[in-house]
Amino acid sequence: MLEWISENTGNIIVGSIVAALIIIDIIYLVHQRIKGKSSCGCDCGCCSMNGQCNKKK
């Protein structure tokens, strides 16, 4: 088992970094959604879905 870990240390580190970045991105998107912000980050006034995706409460 230790041999496998030592042979794949680089892959484990890179995979962990990628997984952490994906988790951070998901958390960021959830927080933005809770705050009521749009996921696209554009001006909703010129969007074809204006008033549909981000309704005011």
Protein backbone atom coordinates (compact mmCIF):
# COMPACT_ATOMS: atom_id res chain seq x y z
CA MET A 1 0.00 0.00 0.00
CA LEU A 2 2.79 2.41 0.88
CA GLU A 3 4.53 1.62 -2.40
CA TRP A 4 1.40 2.55 -4.36
CA ILE A 5 1.10 5.84 -2.46
CA SER A 6 4.75 6.71 -3.02
CA GLU A 7 4.49 5.86 -6.74
CA ASN A 8 1.35 8.00 -7.19
CA THR A 9 2.12 10.96 -4.91
CA GLY A 10 2.02 13.43 -7.81
CA ASN A 11 -1.33 12.17 -9.03
CA ILE A 12 -2.76 12.25 -5.51
CA ILE A 13 -1.61 15.85 -4.96
CA VAL A 14 -2.94 17.08 -8.32
CA GLY A 15 -6.22 15.24 -7.82
CA SER A 16 -6.62 16.74 -4.35
CA ILE A 17 -5.98 20.26 -5.68
CA VAL A 18 -8.52 19.82 -8.48
CA ALA A 19 -11.11 18.42 -6.07
CA ALA A 20 -10.53 21.34 -3.67
CA LEU A 21 -10.98 23.87 -6.49
CA ILE A 22 -14.24 22.24 -7.57
CA ILE A 23 -15.54 22.26 -3.99
CA ILE A 24 -14.57 25.94 -3.55
CA ASP A 25 -16.35 26.80 -6.82
CA ILE A 26 -19.53 24.98 -5.76
CA ILE A 27 -19.52 26.74 -2.38
CA TYR A 28 -19.05 30.10 -4.10
CA LEU A 29 -21.94 29.47 -6.49
CA VAL A 30 -24.22 28.38 -3.64
CA HIS A 31 -23.41 31.55 -1.68
CA GLN A 32 -24.07 33.71 -4.73
CA ARG A 33 -27.40 31.96 -5.27
CA ILE A 34 -28.38 32.49 -1.63
CA LYS A 35 -27.57 36.21 -1.97
CA GLY A 36 -29.89 36.32 -5.00
CA LYS A 37 -27.22 37.14 -7.55
CA SER A 38 -27.27 35.90 -11.11
CA SER A 39 -25.04 32.96 -11.99
CA CYS A 40 -23.95 34.45 -15.31
CA GLY A 41 -22.69 37.75 -13.86
CA CYS A 42 -24.07 39.82 -16.74
CA ASP A 43 -26.49 42.73 -16.83
CA CYS A 44 -29.98 41.24 -16.54
CA GLY A 45 -31.50 44.21 -18.38
CA CYS A 46 -30.29 42.99 -21.76
CA CYS A 47 -30.79 39.29 -21.09
CA SER A 48 -33.45 37.35 -22.99
CA MET A 49 -34.49 35.74 -19.69
CA ASN A 50 -34.89 39.13 -17.95
CA GLY A 51 -37.13 38.72 -14.90
CA GLN A 52 -37.31 34.92 -15.21
CA CYS A 53 -34.12 33.55 -13.68
CA ASN A 54 -33.63 35.93 -10.75
CA LYS A 55 -37.02 37.03 -9.46
CA LYS A 56 -37.05 39.61 -6.69
CA LYS A 57 -38.79 38.57 -3.49
